C-alpha atoms as a PDB file:
ATOM      1  CA  UNK A   1     126.433 110.582  98.072  1.00  0.00           C
ATOM      2  CA  UNK A   2     122.836 110.542  96.878  1.00  0.00           C
ATOM      3  CA  UNK A   3     120.246 113.026  98.133  1.00  0.00           C
ATOM      4  CA  UNK A   4     116.480 113.076  97.764  1.00  0.00           C
ATOM      5  CA  UNK A   5     113.651 114.968  99.439  1.00  0.00           C
ATOM      6  CA  UNK A   6     110.147 113.957 100.412  1.00  0.00           C
ATOM      7  CA  UNK A   7     107.057 116.069  99.837  1.00  0.00           C
ATOM      8  CA  UNK A   8     104.761 117.143 101.509  1.00  0.00           C
ATOM      9  CA  UNK A   9     106.623 119.538 103.716  1.00  0.00           C
ATOM     10  CA  UNK A  10     105.601 120.798 107.111  1.00  0.00           C
ATOM     11  CA  UNK A  11     102.052 119.853 108.085  1.00  0.00           C
ATOM     12  CA  UNK A  12     101.208 116.719 106.099  1.00  0.00           C
ATOM     13  CA  UNK A  13      97.503 117.185 106.828  1.00  0.00           C
ATOM     14  CA  UNK A  14      97.306 120.532 104.990  1.00  0.00           C
ATOM     15  CA  UNK A  15      95.313 120.690 101.784  1.00  0.00           C
ATOM     16  CA  UNK A  16      97.767 121.182  98.898  1.00  0.00           C
ATOM     17  CA  UNK A  17      95.978 121.264  95.583  1.00  0.00           C
ATOM     18  CA  UNK A  18      97.715 124.309  94.074  1.00  0.00           C
ATOM     19  CA  UNK A  19     100.543 123.583  91.664  1.00  0.00           C
ATOM     20  CA  UNK A  20     102.841 126.268  93.102  1.00  0.00           C
ATOM     21  CA  UNK A  21     103.154 124.360  96.379  1.00  0.00           C
ATOM     22  CA  UNK A  22     104.663 121.439  94.444  1.00  0.00           C
ATOM     23  CA  UNK A  23     106.667 123.443  91.923  1.00  0.00           C
ATOM     24  CA  UNK A  24     108.657 125.404  94.518  1.00  0.00           C
ATOM     25  CA  UNK A  25     110.246 122.417  96.328  1.00  0.00           C
ATOM     26  CA  UNK A  26     110.860 120.665  92.998  1.00  0.00           C
ATOM     27  CA  UNK A  27     112.785 123.644  91.671  1.00  0.00           C
ATOM     28  CA  UNK A  28     114.735 123.877  94.932  1.00  0.00           C
ATOM     29  CA  UNK A  29     115.622 120.182  94.855  1.00  0.00           C
ATOM     30  CA  UNK A  30     116.783 120.483  91.241  1.00  0.00           C
ATOM     31  CA  UNK A  31     118.828 123.572  92.091  1.00  0.00           C
ATOM     32  CA  UNK A  32     120.504 121.434  94.725  1.00  0.00           C
ATOM     33  CA  UNK A  33     121.111 118.647  92.146  1.00  0.00           C
ATOM     34  CA  UNK A  34     119.115 116.164  94.239  1.00  0.00           C
ATOM     35  CA  UNK A  35     118.542 112.722  92.772  1.00  0.00           C
ATOM     36  CA  UNK A  36     114.761 112.787  93.157  1.00  0.00           C
ATOM     37  CA  UNK A  37     111.728 114.302  94.839  1.00  0.00           C
ATOM     38  CA  UNK A  38     109.304 111.807  96.388  1.00  0.00           C
ATOM     39  CA  UNK A  39     105.609 112.601  96.549  1.00  0.00           C
ATOM     40  CA  UNK A  40     104.836 110.268  99.395  1.00  0.00           C
ATOM     41  CA  UNK A  41     101.535 108.852 100.483  1.00  0.00           C
ATOM     42  CA  UNK A  42     101.293 106.307 103.250  1.00  0.00           C
ATOM     43  CA  UNK A  43      99.417 103.022 102.973  1.00  0.00           C
ATOM     44  CA  UNK A  44      96.259 104.815 104.178  1.00  0.00           C
ATOM     45  CA  UNK A  45      95.367 107.436 101.548  1.00  0.00           C
ATOM     46  CA  UNK A  46      92.503 108.801 103.664  1.00  0.00           C
ATOM     47  CA  UNK A  47      95.142 110.232 106.018  1.00  0.00           C
ATOM     48  CA  UNK A  48      96.257 112.486 103.153  1.00  0.00           C
ATOM     49  CA  UNK A  49      92.864 114.044 102.466  1.00  0.00           C
ATOM     50  CA  UNK A  50      93.208 117.098 100.263  1.00  0.00           C
ATOM     51  CA  UNK A  51      96.396 115.947  98.521  1.00  0.00           C
ATOM     52  CA  UNK A  52      96.206 115.502  94.735  1.00  0.00           C
ATOM     53  CA  UNK A  53      97.076 112.185  93.113  1.00  0.00           C
ATOM     54  CA  UNK A  54     100.918 111.983  92.944  1.00  0.00           C
ATOM     55  CA  UNK A  55     101.430 110.700  89.385  1.00  0.00           C
ATOM     56  CA  UNK A  56      99.289 113.490  87.956  1.00  0.00           C
ATOM     57  CA  UNK A  57     101.300 116.093  89.860  1.00  0.00           C
ATOM     58  CA  UNK A  58     104.589 114.591  88.695  1.00  0.00           C
ATOM     59  CA  UNK A  59     103.439 114.741  85.091  1.00  0.00           C
ATOM     60  CA  UNK A  60     103.044 118.491  85.522  1.00  0.00           C
ATOM     61  CA  UNK A  61     106.391 118.802  87.352  1.00  0.00           C
ATOM     62  CA  UNK A  62     108.095 117.054  84.440  1.00  0.00           C
ATOM     63  CA  UNK A  63     107.345 120.166  82.364  1.00  0.00           C
ATOM     64  CA  UNK A  64     109.028 122.590  84.800  1.00  0.00           C
ATOM     65  CA  UNK A  65     112.121 120.516  85.678  1.00  0.00           C
ATOM     66  CA  UNK A  66     114.872 119.103  83.499  1.00  0.00           C
ATOM     67  CA  UNK A  67     116.943 116.613  85.496  1.00  0.00           C
ATOM     68  CA  UNK A  68     115.280 115.986  88.866  1.00  0.00           C
ATOM     69  CA  UNK A  69     113.981 112.449  89.386  1.00  0.00           C
ATOM     70  CA  UNK A  70     110.219 112.267  90.016  1.00  0.00           C
ATOM     71  CA  UNK A  71     109.017 109.559  92.410  1.00  0.00           C
ATOM     72  CA  UNK A  72     105.418 108.728  93.329  1.00  0.00           C
ATOM     73  CA  UNK A  73     103.929 106.391  95.893  1.00  0.00           C
ATOM     74  CA  UNK A  74     101.509 103.836  94.452  1.00  0.00           C
ATOM     75  CA  UNK A  75     100.105 100.782  96.191  1.00  0.00           C
ATOM     76  CA  UNK A  76      99.885  97.207  94.998  1.00  0.00           C
ATOM     77  CA  UNK A  77      97.025  95.994  97.182  1.00  0.00           C
ATOM     78  CA  UNK A  78      94.117  97.517  95.269  1.00  0.00           C
ATOM     79  CA  UNK A  79      95.631  98.662  91.966  1.00  0.00           C
ATOM     80  CA  UNK A  80      96.313  96.469  88.929  1.00  0.00           C
ATOM     81  CA  UNK A  81      99.725  95.825  87.275  1.00  0.00           C
ATOM     82  CA  UNK A  82      98.737  96.781  83.728  1.00  0.00           C
ATOM     83  CA  UNK A  83      97.352 100.173  84.713  1.00  0.00           C
ATOM     84  CA  UNK A  84     100.180 101.194  87.062  1.00  0.00           C
ATOM     85  CA  UNK A  85     102.861  99.935  84.666  1.00  0.00           C
ATOM     86  CA  UNK A  86     101.255 102.026  81.909  1.00  0.00           C
ATOM     87  CA  UNK A  87     101.094 105.164  84.049  1.00  0.00           C
ATOM     88  CA  UNK A  88     104.703 104.945  85.236  1.00  0.00           C
ATOM     89  CA  UNK A  89     105.968 104.168  81.723  1.00  0.00           C
ATOM     90  CA  UNK A  90     104.067 107.219  80.482  1.00  0.00           C
ATOM     91  CA  UNK A  91     105.646 109.405  83.177  1.00  0.00           C
ATOM     92  CA  UNK A  92     109.066 108.065  82.217  1.00  0.00           C
ATOM     93  CA  UNK A  93     108.436 109.135  78.607  1.00  0.00           C
ATOM     94  CA  UNK A  94     107.080 112.561  79.573  1.00  0.00           C
ATOM     95  CA  UNK A  95     110.073 113.229  81.847  1.00  0.00           C
ATOM     96  CA  UNK A  96     112.690 111.793  79.446  1.00  0.00           C
ATOM     97  CA  UNK A  97     113.670 109.049  81.866  1.00  0.00           C
ATOM     98  CA  UNK A  98     113.161 110.446  85.377  1.00  0.00           C
ATOM     99  CA  UNK A  99     110.298 108.368  86.798  1.00  0.00           C
ATOM    100  CA  UNK A 100     110.386 106.275  89.979  1.00  0.00           C
ATOM    101  CA  UNK A 101     107.776 104.141  91.724  1.00  0.00           C
ATOM    102  CA  UNK A 102     107.673 103.971  95.518  1.00  0.00           C
ATOM    103  CA  UNK A 103     105.988 100.613  96.059  1.00  0.00           C
ATOM    104  CA  UNK A 104     103.726 100.272  99.119  1.00  0.00           C
ATOM    105  CA  UNK A 105     100.994  97.935 100.321  1.00  0.00           C
ATOM    106  CA  UNK A 106      97.713  99.094 101.867  1.00  0.00           C
ATOM    107  CA  UNK A 107      97.053  97.841 105.346  1.00  0.00           C
ATOM    108  CA  UNK A 108      93.583  98.765 106.541  1.00  0.00           C
ATOM    109  CA  UNK A 109      90.003  97.960 105.667  1.00  0.00           C
ATOM    110  CA  UNK A 110      88.994 101.615 105.464  1.00  0.00           C
ATOM    111  CA  UNK A 111      91.255 102.062 102.444  1.00  0.00           C
ATOM    112  CA  UNK A 112      89.758  98.925 100.919  1.00  0.00           C
ATOM    113  CA  UNK A 113      86.314 100.451 101.178  1.00  0.00           C
ATOM    114  CA  UNK A 114      87.334 102.899  98.434  1.00  0.00           C
ATOM    115  CA  UNK A 115      87.661  99.974  96.027  1.00  0.00           C
ATOM    116  CA  UNK A 116      85.125  97.484  94.758  1.00  0.00           C
ATOM    117  CA  UNK A 117      86.747  94.528  96.552  1.00  0.00           C
ATOM    118  CA  UNK A 118      86.533  96.145  99.987  1.00  0.00           C
ATOM    119  CA  UNK A 119      88.265  94.790 103.061  1.00  0.00           C
ATOM    120  CA  UNK A 120      92.005  94.209 103.129  1.00  0.00           C
ATOM    121  CA  UNK A 121      94.155  91.078 102.668  1.00  0.00           C
ATOM    122  CA  UNK A 122      96.295  89.903 105.562  1.00  0.00           C
ATOM    123  CA  UNK A 123      99.986  90.813 105.764  1.00  0.00           C
ATOM    124  CA  UNK A 124     101.207  87.668 104.016  1.00  0.00           C
ATOM    125  CA  UNK A 125      98.674  88.127 101.235  1.00  0.00           C
ATOM    126  CA  UNK A 126      99.671  91.757 100.722  1.00  0.00           C
ATOM    127  CA  UNK A 127     103.370  90.871 100.510  1.00  0.00           C
ATOM    128  CA  UNK A 128     102.759  88.005  98.089  1.00  0.00           C
ATOM    129  CA  UNK A 129     100.619  90.195  95.848  1.00  0.00           C
ATOM    130  CA  UNK A 130     103.192  93.021  95.932  1.00  0.00           C
ATOM    131  CA  UNK A 131     106.056  90.762  94.851  1.00  0.00           C
ATOM    132  CA  UNK A 132     104.123  89.372  91.896  1.00  0.00           C
ATOM    133  CA  UNK A 133     102.756  92.824  91.080  1.00  0.00           C
ATOM    134  CA  UNK A 134     106.244  94.328  90.640  1.00  0.00           C
ATOM    135  CA  UNK A 135     107.436  91.267  88.723  1.00  0.00           C
ATOM    136  CA  UNK A 136     104.457  91.539  86.366  1.00  0.00           C
ATOM    137  CA  UNK A 137     105.036  95.262  85.827  1.00  0.00           C
ATOM    138  CA  UNK A 138     108.636  94.541  84.823  1.00  0.00           C
ATOM    139  CA  UNK A 139     107.424  91.895  82.371  1.00  0.00           C
ATOM    140  CA  UNK A 140     105.029  94.416  80.843  1.00  0.00           C
ATOM    141  CA  UNK A 141     107.797  97.019  80.462  1.00  0.00           C
ATOM    142  CA  UNK A 142     109.942  94.382  78.759  1.00  0.00           C
ATOM    143  CA  UNK A 143     107.222  93.284  76.345  1.00  0.00           C
ATOM    144  CA  UNK A 144     108.055  95.797  73.594  1.00  0.00           C
ATOM    145  CA  UNK A 145     110.821  94.946  71.148  1.00  0.00           C
ATOM    146  CA  UNK A 146     113.785  97.376  71.140  1.00  0.00           C
ATOM    147  CA  UNK A 147     113.783 100.256  68.647  1.00  0.00           C
ATOM    148  CA  UNK A 148     115.401  99.431  65.339  1.00  0.00           C
ATOM    149  CA  UNK A 149     115.519 100.342  61.646  1.00  0.00           C
ATOM    150  CA  UNK A 150     112.027 101.011  60.410  1.00  0.00           C
ATOM    151  CA  UNK A 151     110.647 100.780  63.951  1.00  0.00           C
ATOM    152  CA  UNK A 152     111.896 103.786  65.970  1.00  0.00           C
ATOM    153  CA  UNK A 153     109.652 102.939  68.944  1.00  0.00           C
ATOM    154  CA  UNK A 154     109.983  99.172  68.742  1.00  0.00           C
ATOM    155  CA  UNK A 155     106.813  97.107  68.570  1.00  0.00           C
ATOM    156  CA  UNK A 156     104.464  95.445  71.065  1.00  0.00           C
ATOM    157  CA  UNK A 157     104.480  91.689  71.468  1.00  0.00           C
ATOM    158  CA  UNK A 158     101.601  89.581  72.720  1.00  0.00           C
ATOM    159  CA  UNK A 159     101.905  89.454  76.491  1.00  0.00           C
ATOM    160  CA  UNK A 160     100.728  86.780  78.894  1.00  0.00           C
ATOM    161  CA  UNK A 161     101.284  86.377  82.617  1.00  0.00           C
ATOM    162  CA  UNK A 162      99.849  83.523  84.642  1.00  0.00           C
ATOM    163  CA  UNK A 163     100.437  83.457  88.376  1.00  0.00           C
ATOM    164  CA  UNK A 164      98.695  82.998  91.721  1.00  0.00           C
ATOM    165  CA  UNK A 165      97.724  86.680  91.872  1.00  0.00           C
ATOM    166  CA  UNK A 166      97.307  87.771  88.251  1.00  0.00           C
ATOM    167  CA  UNK A 167      96.137  86.340  84.942  1.00  0.00           C
ATOM    168  CA  UNK A 168      96.886  88.869  82.200  1.00  0.00           C
ATOM    169  CA  UNK A 169      96.915  88.508  78.414  1.00  0.00           C
ATOM    170  CA  UNK A 170      97.049  91.086  75.645  1.00  0.00           C
ATOM    171  CA  UNK A 171      99.484  93.773  74.530  1.00  0.00           C
ATOM    172  CA  UNK A 172     101.101  96.572  76.527  1.00  0.00           C
ATOM    173  CA  UNK A 173     100.179  99.954  75.090  1.00  0.00           C
ATOM    174  CA  UNK A 174     103.284 102.044  75.892  1.00  0.00           C
ATOM    175  CA  UNK A 175     106.651 101.690  74.090  1.00  0.00           C
ATOM    176  CA  UNK A 176     109.690 100.829  76.158  1.00  0.00           C
ATOM    177  CA  UNK A 177     110.491 103.952  78.158  1.00  0.00           C
ATOM    178  CA  UNK A 178     113.804 105.850  78.304  1.00  0.00           C
ATOM    179  CA  UNK A 179     114.983 104.061  81.456  1.00  0.00           C
ATOM    180  CA  UNK A 180     113.639 100.680  80.357  1.00  0.00           C
ATOM    181  CA  UNK A 181     112.096 100.308  83.810  1.00  0.00           C
ATOM    182  CA  UNK A 182     111.266 103.253  86.065  1.00  0.00           C
ATOM    183  CA  UNK A 183     113.327 103.137  89.259  1.00  0.00           C
ATOM    184  CA  UNK A 184     111.732 100.923  91.934  1.00  0.00           C
ATOM    185  CA  UNK A 185     111.811 102.252  95.509  1.00  0.00           C
ATOM    186  CA  UNK A 186     110.862 100.224  98.566  1.00  0.00           C
ATOM    187  CA  UNK A 187     110.985 101.044 102.273  1.00  0.00           C
ATOM    188  CA  UNK A 188     111.481  99.067 105.454  1.00  0.00           C
ATOM    189  CA  UNK A 189     113.978  97.780 107.996  1.00  0.00           C
ATOM    190  CA  UNK A 190     112.723  94.287 108.709  1.00  0.00           C
ATOM    191  CA  UNK A 191     114.452  91.139 107.528  1.00  0.00           C
ATOM    192  CA  UNK A 192     111.583  90.633 105.096  1.00  0.00           C
ATOM    193  CA  UNK A 193     111.928  94.174 103.695  1.00  0.00           C
ATOM    194  CA  UNK A 194     115.678  93.784 103.185  1.00  0.00           C
ATOM    195  CA  UNK A 195     115.217  90.498 101.348  1.00  0.00           C
ATOM    196  CA  UNK A 196     112.496  91.936  99.136  1.00  0.00           C
ATOM    197  CA  UNK A 197     114.655  94.960  98.290  1.00  0.00           C
ATOM    198  CA  UNK A 198     117.657  92.768  97.501  1.00  0.00           C
ATOM    199  CA  UNK A 199     115.483  90.776  95.107  1.00  0.00           C
ATOM    200  CA  UNK A 200     113.594  93.507  93.280  1.00  0.00           C
ATOM    201  CA  UNK A 201     114.288  97.136  94.318  1.00  0.00           C
ATOM    202  CA  UNK A 202     116.665  99.817  93.085  1.00  0.00           C
ATOM    203  CA  UNK A 203     116.440 101.989  96.224  1.00  0.00           C
ATOM    204  CA  UNK A 204     115.685 100.974  99.822  1.00  0.00           C
ATOM    205  CA  UNK A 205     114.513 103.656 102.247  1.00  0.00           C
ATOM    206  CA  UNK A 206     115.361 102.826 105.854  1.00  0.00           C
ATOM    207  CA  UNK A 207     115.114 104.419 109.275  1.00  0.00           C
ATOM    208  CA  UNK A 208     117.800 106.798 110.450  1.00  0.00           C
ATOM    209  CA  UNK A 209     119.824 105.927 113.530  1.00  0.00           C
ATOM    210  CA  UNK A 210     123.377 105.638 114.728  1.00  0.00           C
ATOM    211  CA  UNK A 211     126.337 105.113 112.462  1.00  0.00           C
ATOM    212  CA  UNK A 212     126.964 101.690 113.984  1.00  0.00           C
ATOM    213  CA  UNK A 213     123.382 100.560 113.341  1.00  0.00           C
ATOM    214  CA  UNK A 214     123.579 101.943 109.824  1.00  0.00           C
ATOM    215  CA  UNK A 215     126.758 100.011 109.055  1.00  0.00           C
ATOM    216  CA  UNK A 216     125.247  96.741 110.262  1.00  0.00           C
ATOM    217  CA  UNK A 217     122.045  97.283 108.266  1.00  0.00           C
ATOM    218  CA  UNK A 218     123.998  98.315 105.164  1.00  0.00           C
ATOM    219  CA  UNK A 219     126.322  95.283 105.251  1.00  0.00           C
ATOM    220  CA  UNK A 220     123.476  92.847 105.866  1.00  0.00           C
ATOM    221  CA  UNK A 221     121.337  94.200 103.020  1.00  0.00           C
ATOM    222  CA  UNK A 222     124.141  94.471 100.478  1.00  0.00           C
ATOM    223  CA  UNK A 223     125.251  90.896 101.213  1.00  0.00           C
ATOM    224  CA  UNK A 224     121.829  89.622 100.137  1.00  0.00           C
ATOM    225  CA  UNK A 225     122.060  90.852  96.533  1.00  0.00           C
ATOM    226  CA  UNK A 226     124.450  88.143  95.313  1.00  0.00           C
ATOM    227  CA  UNK A 227     121.768  85.478  95.785  1.00  0.00           C
ATOM    228  CA  UNK A 228     119.755  87.245  93.060  1.00  0.00           C
ATOM    229  CA  UNK A 229     122.664  87.733  90.658  1.00  0.00           C
ATOM    230  CA  UNK A 230     123.008  91.397  91.580  1.00  0.00           C
ATOM    231  CA  UNK A 231     125.975  93.573  92.548  1.00  0.00           C
ATOM    232  CA  UNK A 232     126.161  95.674  95.743  1.00  0.00           C
ATOM    233  CA  UNK A 233     125.833  98.930  93.779  1.00  0.00           C
ATOM    234  CA  UNK A 234     122.604  97.719  92.159  1.00  0.00           C
ATOM    235  CA  UNK A 235     120.684  98.723  95.304  1.00  0.00           C
ATOM    236  CA  UNK A 236     121.032 102.148  96.917  1.00  0.00           C
ATOM    237  CA  UNK A 237     120.337 102.345 100.653  1.00  0.00           C
ATOM    238  CA  UNK A 238     119.035 105.736 101.787  1.00  0.00           C
ATOM    239  CA  UNK A 239     117.975 106.349 105.401  1.00  0.00           C
ATOM    240  CA  UNK A 240     115.070 108.736 105.949  1.00  0.00           C
ATOM    241  CA  UNK A 241     116.446 111.641 107.969  1.00  0.00           C
ATOM    242  CA  UNK A 242     115.532 115.062 109.254  1.00  0.00           C
ATOM    243  CA  UNK A 243     118.029 117.892 109.613  1.00  0.00           C
ATOM    244  CA  UNK A 244     117.949 120.734 112.125  1.00  0.00           C
ATOM    245  CA  UNK A 245     120.308 123.579 111.276  1.00  0.00           C
ATOM    246  CA  UNK A 246     121.479 126.499 113.342  1.00  0.00           C
ATOM    247  CA  UNK A 247     124.186 129.135 113.153  1.00  0.00           C
ATOM    248  CA  UNK A 248     125.961 127.059 115.797  1.00  0.00           C
ATOM    249  CA  UNK A 249     125.611 123.544 117.154  1.00  0.00           C
ATOM    250  CA  UNK A 250     124.097 124.965 120.326  1.00  0.00           C
ATOM    251  CA  UNK A 251     121.503 126.954 118.396  1.00  0.00           C
ATOM    252  CA  UNK A 252     120.579 123.862 116.383  1.00  0.00           C
ATOM    253  CA  UNK A 253     120.165 121.784 119.541  1.00  0.00           C
ATOM    254  CA  UNK A 254     117.873 124.468 120.920  1.00  0.00           C
ATOM    255  CA  UNK A 255     115.740 124.257 117.765  1.00  0.00           C
ATOM    256  CA  UNK A 256     115.702 120.469 118.000  1.00  0.00           C
ATOM    257  CA  UNK A 257     114.414 120.562 121.557  1.00  0.00           C
ATOM    258  CA  UNK A 258     111.171 122.013 120.212  1.00  0.00           C
ATOM    259  CA  UNK A 259     110.791 119.588 117.346  1.00  0.00           C
ATOM    260  CA  UNK A 260     107.311 118.009 117.715  1.00  0.00           C
ATOM    261  CA  UNK A 261     107.938 115.232 115.219  1.00  0.00           C
ATOM    262  CA  UNK A 262     110.538 113.248 117.140  1.00  0.00           C
ATOM    263  CA  UNK A 263     114.312 113.343 117.297  1.00  0.00           C
ATOM    264  CA  UNK A 264     116.020 114.568 114.129  1.00  0.00           C
ATOM    265  CA  UNK A 265     118.872 112.621 112.625  1.00  0.00           C
ATOM    266  CA  UNK A 266     121.402 115.419 112.072  1.00  0.00           C
ATOM    267  CA  UNK A 267     121.595 118.457 114.355  1.00  0.00           C
ATOM    268  CA  UNK A 268     124.133 121.258 114.157  1.00  0.00           C
ATOM    269  CA  UNK A 269     125.689 124.020 112.136  1.00  0.00           C
ATOM    270  CA  UNK A 270     125.899 123.480 108.375  1.00  0.00           C
ATOM    271  CA  UNK A 271     129.550 122.502 108.820  1.00  0.00           C
ATOM    272  CA  UNK A 272     128.695 119.886 111.451  1.00  0.00           C
ATOM    273  CA  UNK A 273     125.807 118.421 109.471  1.00  0.00           C
ATOM    274  CA  UNK A 274     127.866 118.205 106.249  1.00  0.00           C
ATOM    275  CA  UNK A 275     130.710 116.471 108.102  1.00  0.00           C
ATOM    276  CA  UNK A 276     128.392 113.958 109.799  1.00  0.00           C
ATOM    277  CA  UNK A 277     126.540 113.098 106.603  1.00  0.00           C
ATOM    278  CA  UNK A 278     129.825 112.628 104.755  1.00  0.00           C
ATOM    279  CA  UNK A 279     131.148 110.408 107.551  1.00  0.00           C
ATOM    280  CA  UNK A 280     127.985 108.274 107.463  1.00  0.00           C
ATOM    281  CA  UNK A 281     128.391 107.518 103.753  1.00  0.00           C
ATOM    282  CA  UNK A 282     132.174 107.110 103.957  1.00  0.00           C
ATOM    283  CA  UNK A 283     131.727 104.498 106.693  1.00  0.00           C
ATOM    284  CA  UNK A 284     129.436 102.377 104.490  1.00  0.00           C
ATOM    285  CA  UNK A 285     126.414 103.111 106.630  1.00  0.00           C
ATOM    286  CA  UNK A 286     124.381 104.523 103.698  1.00  0.00           C
ATOM    287  CA  UNK A 287     124.610 105.461 100.039  1.00  0.00           C
ATOM    288  CA  UNK A 288     122.750 108.708 100.671  1.00  0.00           C
ATOM    289  CA  UNK A 289     119.720 110.166 102.424  1.00  0.00           C
ATOM    290  CA  UNK A 290     116.054 110.962 101.906  1.00  0.00           C
ATOM    291  CA  UNK A 291     115.395 114.270 103.634  1.00  0.00           C
ATOM    292  CA  UNK A 292     112.062 114.318 105.438  1.00  0.00           C
ATOM    293  CA  UNK A 293     110.156 117.591 105.819  1.00  0.00           C
ATOM    294  CA  UNK A 294     112.467 119.581 108.140  1.00  0.00           C
ATOM    295  CA  UNK A 295     111.171 121.353 111.226  1.00  0.00           C
ATOM    296  CA  UNK A 296     113.353 124.435 110.751  1.00  0.00           C
ATOM    297  CA  UNK A 297     111.735 127.477 109.089  1.00  0.00           C
ATOM    298  CA  UNK A 298     114.192 127.553 106.180  1.00  0.00           C
ATOM    299  CA  UNK A 299     113.104 124.129 104.994  1.00  0.00           C
ATOM    300  CA  UNK A 300     114.680 122.591 101.916  1.00  0.00           C
ATOM    301  CA  UNK A 301     116.035 125.937 100.701  1.00  0.00           C
ATOM    302  CA  UNK A 302     118.052 126.251 103.905  1.00  0.00           C
ATOM    303  CA  UNK A 303     119.648 122.847 103.344  1.00  0.00           C
ATOM    304  CA  UNK A 304     120.384 123.498  99.661  1.00  0.00           C
ATOM    305  CA  UNK A 305     121.882 126.944 100.336  1.00  0.00           C
ATOM    306  CA  UNK A 306     123.901 126.102 103.454  1.00  0.00           C
ATOM    307  CA  UNK A 307     124.737 122.377 103.473  1.00  0.00           C
ATOM    308  CA  UNK A 308     124.950 121.324  99.828  1.00  0.00           C
ATOM    309  CA  UNK A 309     127.843 123.744  99.036  1.00  0.00           C
ATOM    310  CA  UNK A 310     129.820 122.259 101.942  1.00  0.00           C
ATOM    311  CA  UNK A 311     129.158 118.715 100.758  1.00  0.00           C
ATOM    312  CA  UNK A 312     130.414 119.756  97.326  1.00  0.00           C
ATOM    313  CA  UNK A 313     133.544 121.300  98.825  1.00  0.00           C
ATOM    314  CA  UNK A 314     134.239 118.000 100.562  1.00  0.00           C
ATOM    315  CA  UNK A 315     133.856 116.134  97.263  1.00  0.00           C
ATOM    316  CA  UNK A 316     130.949 114.203  98.751  1.00  0.00           C
ATOM    317  CA  UNK A 317     128.222 115.401  96.372  1.00  0.00           C
ATOM    318  CA  UNK A 318     127.916 116.337  92.714  1.00  0.00           C
ATOM    319  CA  UNK A 319     128.319 119.901  91.551  1.00  0.00           C
ATOM    320  CA  UNK A 320     126.088 119.307  88.527  1.00  0.00           C
ATOM    321  CA  UNK A 321     124.073 116.549  86.926  1.00  0.00           C
ATOM    322  CA  UNK A 322     126.232 114.405  84.679  1.00  0.00           C
ATOM    323  CA  UNK A 323     123.396 112.422  83.082  1.00  0.00           C
ATOM    324  CA  UNK A 324     119.793 112.997  82.140  1.00  0.00           C
ATOM    325  CA  UNK A 325     117.947 110.030  83.665  1.00  0.00           C
ATOM    326  CA  UNK A 326     117.289 109.119  87.279  1.00  0.00           C
ATOM    327  CA  UNK A 327     119.163 105.864  86.775  1.00  0.00           C
ATOM    328  CA  UNK A 328     122.222 107.852  85.713  1.00  0.00           C
ATOM    329  CA  UNK A 329     121.947 110.062  88.827  1.00  0.00           C
ATOM    330  CA  UNK A 330     121.831 106.975  91.043  1.00  0.00           C
ATOM    331  CA  UNK A 331     124.525 105.095  89.145  1.00  0.00           C
ATOM    332  CA  UNK A 332     122.159 102.242  88.347  1.00  0.00           C
ATOM    333  CA  UNK A 333     122.441 100.058  85.252  1.00  0.00           C
ATOM    334  CA  UNK A 334     119.718 100.152  82.628  1.00  0.00           C
ATOM    335  CA  UNK A 335     117.647  96.934  82.607  1.00  0.00           C
ATOM    336  CA  UNK A 336     118.503  94.573  79.767  1.00  0.00           C
ATOM    337  CA  UNK A 337     115.555  94.001  77.454  1.00  0.00           C
ATOM    338  CA  UNK A 338     115.283  90.203  77.123  1.00  0.00           C
ATOM    339  CA  UNK A 339     113.415  90.448  73.801  1.00  0.00           C
END
């Protein structure tokens, strides 16, 4: 089972510019041997007023964590491939191979007003740009030769990309990073999102739901990978879930009745929640879960202290990190450098 957590916690509209508010959940997630912490921004950054820029925060968190994967949301609609590829490669170096990119597209004109182009492309245009954007970033990451005798960092090669969305020529400025490519995370449940993830993503974040719905979604998405020369384990499917804990199932249901953010995915005592999460993964309905900010007062600490030990007892979750990179946590292969 794979586990990750999303930040911010609680009220997503709160101003959170102090480092301690990011450091505490990161340390908790690492104590729980989570795969990664996601600093999530939606496709409308203005809705997150007061939140610092995620990649900058993750660079600081890399200095106070050792194994936890560090994932940031970054959009493809108004950014440029060279700059984002450089920033994520830099984070991968600073964290010794723990960087991940949550790829999103921006969907409203108000966001576009923050950029010189203004406006916002239509849905088809955003999707087309995103696909070429990620492909171009991968080409940039692959443009350095592998390390070798006399060249411990490898060497840059002249780079050129010519496509409908981007015309780029020059040299990439960052050596090939520890993971080769930072982990690529996408989200969505539509047919289009599943196909895109099967083609280019390492992790797909989906909605929660019933076990039956999860099994159907899981089987459909995994079956798509073969068309792109990929194996089923090359893409990890992780529903976004909330957890409401109580000393008993009845107490948890009482807490859940007052949840203002919609129905949680797992409700019950720690024993019940651990059993249900284990059953979900065992039934091929998911590879793991992204925990959304929980409504219960204990937050992530409560889950790590009360549920994670039970998952470990069941043999469903790691007792310690076995590798050092995020790809090793997720069981993903390192990209082959074509140079």
